[in-house]
Amino acid sequence: MTLDYNKTSHETVLVGKKIMIAAPARDHDFVNDAVVSFANIVASVPPGNQCLIGIESNFIQVARNKLFARAYENDIDYFISMDSDVALLSSPEPIVPYLVKQSDKYGADMIGGIVVRDMFGKLVPDIIRANEQGRLVFWDSWPNEMACVDAVGGSFLFITKKLIKAFTKEKISKFGMPFDFRNMASEDFSFCGRVRELGFKIWVDPAIQLGHQKSVTWTKSTWDEKQQAAQAARLGGQNVETGQKTDFTARLTL
């Protein structure tokens, strides 16, 4: 069991685990909103656990691979990675115990959050599924609860030790480092493909909503409002602006 029940406070408490909070970064800098989110994630690790912090600046796939390797070498129980240009817009508090409880409840060894993309004027969550023809396509709706998916963006990931240790030297020699590009896919979707090959499920938690420097920023409520407005505009024969770029202008150089 990963959780102990504290009968005095009636709260589920995470104890005795090694937790790594990682931040793949580009150009040695963070957007200010990401710094605040990162600090909040670290602060949510309960006392009685060992918390390791990992920051790596490089090409994003290289940075992610190095941090993942560090988690493997240090026998990390729970690995949480959030890119340096991403901020938490909405998430349950405290987030680390929440993720562990979700992992135990659903048997989930990998959980991603949701970033909304503006794809040629259409808002889509950064979630991939296979359609009836077997082609991987973006979801066109927001899941209402934890859901199994075929791929999720790598901006925010929660990964258990079981999945980390599945990337053995033999497996890596067979299909490359976890986040290496392959088959013309991005590094995060390539990672998801390897995770599926190893026999693991990929989960997305709609309660974890993220803003991305290069994407649009929507929470679930804003998503619903925008979809309704877009539908009304289409019915009225009007065009509608589907997104607003995230205002991540302030940056903190490490």
Protein backbone atom coordinates (compact mmCIF):
# COMPACT_ATOMS: atom_id res chain seq x y z
CA MET A 1 0.00 0.00 0.00
CA THR A 2 1.18 3.51 -0.75
CA LEU A 3 -1.12 5.34 1.63
CA ASP A 4 -1.60 5.20 5.39
CA TYR A 5 -4.88 6.23 6.99
CA ASN A 6 -4.57 8.73 9.82
CA LYS A 7 -7.55 7.95 12.07
CA THR A 8 -7.04 11.10 14.15
CA SER A 9 -7.36 13.62 11.33
CA HIS A 10 -9.43 11.37 9.05
CA GLU A 11 -7.09 12.25 6.19
CA THR A 12 -5.18 9.98 3.87
CA VAL A 13 -1.47 10.64 4.37
CA LEU A 14 1.39 9.77 2.02
CA VAL A 15 4.48 8.63 3.93
CA GLY A 16 7.90 7.03 3.41
CA LYS A 17 8.18 7.56 -0.35
CA LYS A 18 10.76 9.06 -2.69
CA ILE A 19 9.12 11.69 -4.85
CA MET A 20 10.83 13.60 -7.65
CA ILE A 21 9.46 16.90 -8.94
CA ALA A 22 11.09 17.60 -12.31
CA ALA A 23 11.13 20.58 -14.65
CA PRO A 24 12.39 20.14 -18.22
CA ALA A 25 13.43 23.63 -19.30
CA ARG A 26 14.59 25.42 -22.42
CA ASP A 27 17.27 28.12 -22.34
CA HIS A 28 17.63 27.95 -18.55
CA ASP A 29 14.48 29.93 -17.87
CA PHE A 30 11.00 29.57 -16.42
CA VAL A 31 7.91 31.62 -16.96
CA ASN A 32 6.95 33.18 -13.63
CA ASP A 33 3.62 31.36 -13.47
CA ALA A 34 5.47 28.05 -13.84
CA VAL A 35 7.76 28.91 -10.92
CA VAL A 36 4.73 29.44 -8.67
CA SER A 37 3.11 26.19 -9.82
CA PHE A 38 6.35 24.27 -9.38
CA ALA A 39 6.78 25.63 -5.84
CA ASN A 40 3.19 24.68 -4.98
CA ILE A 41 3.74 21.12 -6.20
CA VAL A 42 6.90 20.79 -4.10
CA ALA A 43 5.11 22.27 -1.06
CA SER A 44 2.31 19.69 -1.41
CA VAL A 45 4.68 16.77 -0.67
CA PRO A 46 3.71 15.71 2.88
CA PRO A 47 6.31 15.50 5.66
CA GLY A 48 7.83 12.07 6.05
CA ASN A 49 8.67 11.69 2.38
CA GLN A 50 11.92 12.34 0.54
CA CYS A 51 11.46 15.01 -2.12
CA LEU A 52 14.03 15.37 -4.90
CA ILE A 53 13.99 18.32 -7.29
CA GLY A 54 15.29 17.95 -10.83
CA ILE A 55 15.80 20.78 -13.34
CA GLU A 56 17.35 20.12 -16.73
CA SER A 57 17.82 22.60 -19.57
CA ASN A 58 18.33 21.24 -23.07
CA PHE A 59 16.30 20.31 -26.12
CA ILE A 60 13.02 19.24 -24.58
CA GLN A 61 13.32 15.53 -25.44
CA VAL A 62 16.90 15.45 -24.09
CA ALA A 63 15.89 17.23 -20.89
CA ARG A 64 12.99 14.83 -20.34
CA ASN A 65 15.17 11.79 -21.01
CA LYS A 66 17.82 12.96 -18.53
CA LEU A 67 15.28 13.61 -15.80
CA PHE A 68 13.56 10.28 -16.43
CA ALA A 69 16.95 8.52 -16.21
CA ARG A 70 17.62 10.29 -12.92
CA ALA A 71 14.31 9.00 -11.57
CA TYR A 72 15.25 5.47 -12.69
CA GLU A 73 18.69 5.63 -11.06
CA ASN A 74 17.36 7.02 -7.77
CA ASP A 75 14.56 4.45 -7.41
CA ILE A 76 11.92 7.17 -7.35
CA ASP A 77 8.46 6.02 -6.27
CA TYR A 78 6.56 8.87 -7.90
CA PHE A 79 7.87 11.12 -10.68
CA ILE A 80 6.06 14.37 -11.49
CA SER A 81 7.26 16.36 -14.48
CA MET A 82 6.00 19.80 -15.47
CA ASP A 83 7.57 21.83 -18.29
CA SER A 84 9.06 25.22 -17.46
CA ASP A 85 6.62 27.02 -19.77
CA VAL A 86 3.49 25.51 -18.21
CA ALA A 87 1.41 26.66 -15.24
CA LEU A 88 -1.35 24.96 -13.28
CA LEU A 89 -4.62 26.80 -13.85
CA SER A 90 -6.74 24.47 -11.77
CA SER A 91 -5.95 21.34 -9.77
CA PRO A 92 -7.04 19.60 -6.57
CA GLU A 93 -5.07 20.58 -3.47
CA PRO A 94 -2.73 19.26 -2.24
CA ILE A 95 -1.83 17.90 -5.65
CA VAL A 96 0.81 15.25 -4.86
CA PRO A 97 -1.34 13.22 -2.39
CA TYR A 98 -4.26 13.65 -4.78
CA LEU A 99 -2.29 12.14 -7.69
CA VAL A 100 -1.15 9.20 -5.58
CA LYS A 101 -4.75 8.53 -4.51
CA GLN A 102 -5.92 8.70 -8.13
CA SER A 103 -3.12 6.33 -9.13
CA ASP A 104 -4.16 3.82 -6.46
CA LYS A 105 -7.88 4.19 -7.18
CA TYR A 106 -7.61 3.60 -10.93
CA GLY A 107 -4.47 1.47 -11.03
CA ALA A 108 -2.90 4.25 -13.08
CA ASP A 109 0.86 4.26 -13.57
CA MET A 110 0.78 7.36 -15.78
CA ILE A 111 -1.53 10.38 -15.46
CA GLY A 112 -1.46 13.49 -17.62
CA GLY A 113 -3.17 16.85 -17.31
CA ILE A 114 -5.01 18.83 -19.98
CA VAL A 115 -3.63 21.62 -22.15
CA VAL A 116 -5.98 23.05 -24.77
CA ARG A 117 -4.59 23.60 -28.27
CA ASP A 118 -5.90 25.92 -30.95
CA MET A 119 -5.78 23.70 -34.04
CA PHE A 120 -6.51 25.91 -37.06
CA GLY A 121 -9.21 27.81 -35.20
CA LYS A 122 -10.65 24.83 -33.34
CA LEU A 123 -10.09 24.22 -29.63
CA VAL A 124 -9.00 20.68 -28.78
CA PRO A 125 -7.62 19.14 -25.58
CA ASP A 126 -4.09 17.80 -25.91
CA ILE A 127 -5.40 14.21 -25.87
CA ILE A 128 -5.08 11.59 -28.60
CA ARG A 129 -7.40 8.66 -29.29
CA ALA A 130 -7.70 6.11 -32.07
CA ASN A 131 -10.78 6.57 -34.26
CA GLU A 132 -12.80 3.78 -35.92
CA GLN A 133 -10.24 3.59 -38.74
CA GLY A 134 -7.39 3.20 -36.26
CA ARG A 135 -5.99 6.68 -36.94
CA LEU A 136 -4.81 8.75 -33.99
CA VAL A 137 -6.80 11.97 -33.71
CA PHE A 138 -7.28 14.72 -31.12
CA TRP A 139 -10.32 14.46 -28.87
CA ASP A 140 -13.02 17.00 -29.66
CA SER A 141 -14.54 16.99 -26.17
CA TRP A 142 -13.42 17.46 -22.59
CA PRO A 143 -13.54 14.26 -20.49
CA ASN A 144 -15.74 14.48 -17.40
CA GLU A 145 -13.63 12.10 -15.33
CA MET A 146 -10.37 10.15 -15.36
CA ALA A 147 -10.14 8.50 -18.76
CA CYS A 148 -7.87 6.05 -20.58
CA VAL A 149 -6.42 7.58 -23.75
CA ASP A 150 -3.95 6.59 -26.46
CA ALA A 151 -1.67 9.57 -25.88
CA VAL A 152 -1.50 12.77 -23.87
CA GLY A 153 0.75 15.81 -24.09
CA GLY A 154 3.89 15.66 -21.95
CA SER A 155 3.60 19.12 -20.39
CA PHE A 156 2.51 17.57 -17.08
CA LEU A 157 3.01 13.91 -16.21
CA PHE A 158 2.68 11.78 -13.09
CA ILE A 159 4.51 8.44 -13.40
CA THR A 160 4.93 5.59 -10.92
CA LYS A 161 8.02 3.57 -10.13
CA LYS A 162 6.49 0.52 -11.81
CA LEU A 163 6.42 2.31 -15.17
CA ILE A 164 9.81 3.95 -14.69
CA LYS A 165 11.48 0.62 -14.00
CA ALA A 166 9.81 -0.95 -17.05
CA PHE A 167 12.22 1.08 -19.22
CA THR A 168 15.08 -1.39 -18.82
CA LYS A 169 18.33 -1.23 -20.79
CA GLU A 170 17.03 -4.06 -22.96
CA LYS A 171 13.85 -2.16 -23.78
CA ILE A 172 15.74 1.06 -24.47
CA SER A 173 18.12 -0.74 -26.82
CA LYS A 174 15.04 -2.04 -28.65
CA PHE A 175 13.01 1.15 -29.06
CA GLY A 176 15.22 4.03 -27.95
CA MET A 177 15.19 6.40 -24.99
CA PRO A 178 11.76 7.14 -23.50
CA PHE A 179 11.27 10.55 -25.13
CA ASP A 180 13.25 10.06 -28.35
CA PHE A 181 11.37 11.01 -31.52
CA ARG A 182 10.15 8.18 -33.72
CA ASN A 183 7.73 7.63 -36.60
CA MET A 184 7.45 11.39 -37.19
CA ALA A 185 5.67 11.81 -33.83
CA SER A 186 6.46 14.41 -31.17
CA GLU A 187 8.60 13.40 -28.20
CA ASP A 188 5.62 13.17 -25.83
CA PHE A 189 3.45 11.12 -28.19
CA SER A 190 6.47 8.91 -28.97
CA PHE A 191 6.80 8.33 -25.23
CA CYS A 192 3.13 7.38 -25.01
CA GLY A 193 3.61 4.86 -27.80
CA ARG A 194 6.42 3.21 -25.86
CA VAL A 195 4.32 3.19 -22.69
CA ARG A 196 1.56 1.32 -24.53
CA GLU A 197 4.07 -1.14 -25.98
CA LEU A 198 5.20 -1.92 -22.44
CA GLY A 199 1.62 -2.86 -21.60
CA PHE A 200 0.67 0.19 -19.52
CA LYS A 201 -2.44 2.34 -19.78
CA ILE A 202 -2.30 6.09 -20.22
CA TRP A 203 -4.71 8.15 -18.15
CA VAL A 204 -5.74 11.80 -18.25
CA ASP A 205 -7.26 13.65 -15.30
CA PRO A 206 -9.53 16.55 -16.37
CA ALA A 207 -9.20 18.10 -12.90
CA ILE A 208 -5.60 19.03 -13.76
CA GLN A 209 -5.90 21.98 -16.12
CA LEU A 210 -2.83 23.72 -17.49
CA GLY A 211 -1.84 26.87 -19.31
CA HIS A 212 0.95 26.68 -21.89
CA GLN A 213 3.06 29.59 -23.10
CA LYS A 214 2.55 28.65 -26.76
CA SER A 215 -1.06 27.55 -26.49
CA VAL A 216 -4.43 28.86 -25.44
CA THR A 217 -5.40 28.99 -21.80
CA TRP A 218 -8.76 27.52 -20.87
CA THR A 219 -10.22 25.88 -17.83
CA LYS A 220 -13.18 23.53 -18.16
CA SER A 221 -15.71 26.30 -17.47
CA THR A 222 -14.14 28.59 -20.07
CA TRP A 223 -14.05 25.70 -22.52
CA ASP A 224 -17.79 25.13 -22.10
CA GLU A 225 -18.57 28.83 -22.53
CA LYS A 226 -16.39 29.10 -25.64
CA GLN A 227 -17.86 25.99 -27.25
CA GLN A 228 -21.38 27.33 -26.69
CA ALA A 229 -20.42 30.70 -28.17
CA ALA A 230 -18.78 29.03 -31.18
CA GLN A 231 -21.86 26.87 -31.75
CA ALA A 232 -24.16 29.90 -31.59
CA ALA A 233 -21.92 31.79 -34.00
CA ARG A 234 -21.90 28.89 -36.46
CA LEU A 235 -25.68 28.69 -36.34
CA GLY A 236 -25.82 32.41 -37.02
CA GLY A 237 -23.36 32.20 -39.89
CA GLN A 238 -20.73 34.22 -37.99
CA ASN A 239 -17.04 33.67 -37.38
CA VAL A 240 -15.77 33.45 -33.83
CA GLU A 241 -12.31 33.81 -32.34
CA THR A 242 -11.59 30.48 -30.69
CA GLY A 243 -8.69 31.22 -28.42
CA GLN A 244 -6.54 33.72 -26.62
CA LYS A 245 -2.81 33.28 -26.31
CA THR A 246 -1.52 32.78 -22.79
CA ASP A 247 0.02 35.96 -21.42
CA PHE A 248 3.27 34.43 -20.23
CA THR A 249 5.47 37.51 -20.74
CA ALA A 250 7.40 37.67 -17.48
CA ARG A 251 10.26 35.22 -17.33
CA LEU A 252 12.70 34.23 -14.62
CA THR A 253 16.20 33.24 -15.76
CA LEU A 254 17.94 30.60 -13.66
